[in-house]
Amino acid sequence: MEKKREEIAILEKQIGEAKSYLLALQDALKMMPKAGEAESAAQSLRPGTDVSKAYEILKASGKQLHVNEIVKRMGKEVSKENRISVSGSLSGYARRNYIFTRPAPNTFGLVEFESNNKSEEPPEDFGAAAEQVAEKLD
């Protein structure tokens, strides 16, 4: 009976940890912008600006791009001046995690790319520790 009580105590502790982890995941999910919010935010960009063009280029590509590629697709010469200009404009948005992200140096993506990749499911190894403890107890 004592062994079963110890087993129950261990499992209850793991349940508590799992619940805490789940709450943390839910809180993190609440902080992420919804896909509709990202698109409506992008509509607030002034048409014809470099920022608006960069948004359209990234949206069309469906992936993150280096600033050189963005400048090239804008039809501009890939010069230091143009790279700094575009990079500086997009960085302001990326710092606030608003419309644009900066996943790597001089590489920009869209917040909605991250929203599309997020999952409401916990990681695959979630709960693995509980299974290992159960195996040890058997």
Foldseek 3Di string as FASTA:
>chain_A
DVLVVVLVVVVVVLVVVLVVVLVVLVVVVVVQDALVVLVVLLVPDDPPDLVNQLLVVQVVVLDKDALQVSCVVVVHDSDPVSLCVSCVVLVVCQVVLHQWHDPDVRIIHGSSSVNVPDDSDDDPCPCVVVVVVVVVSD
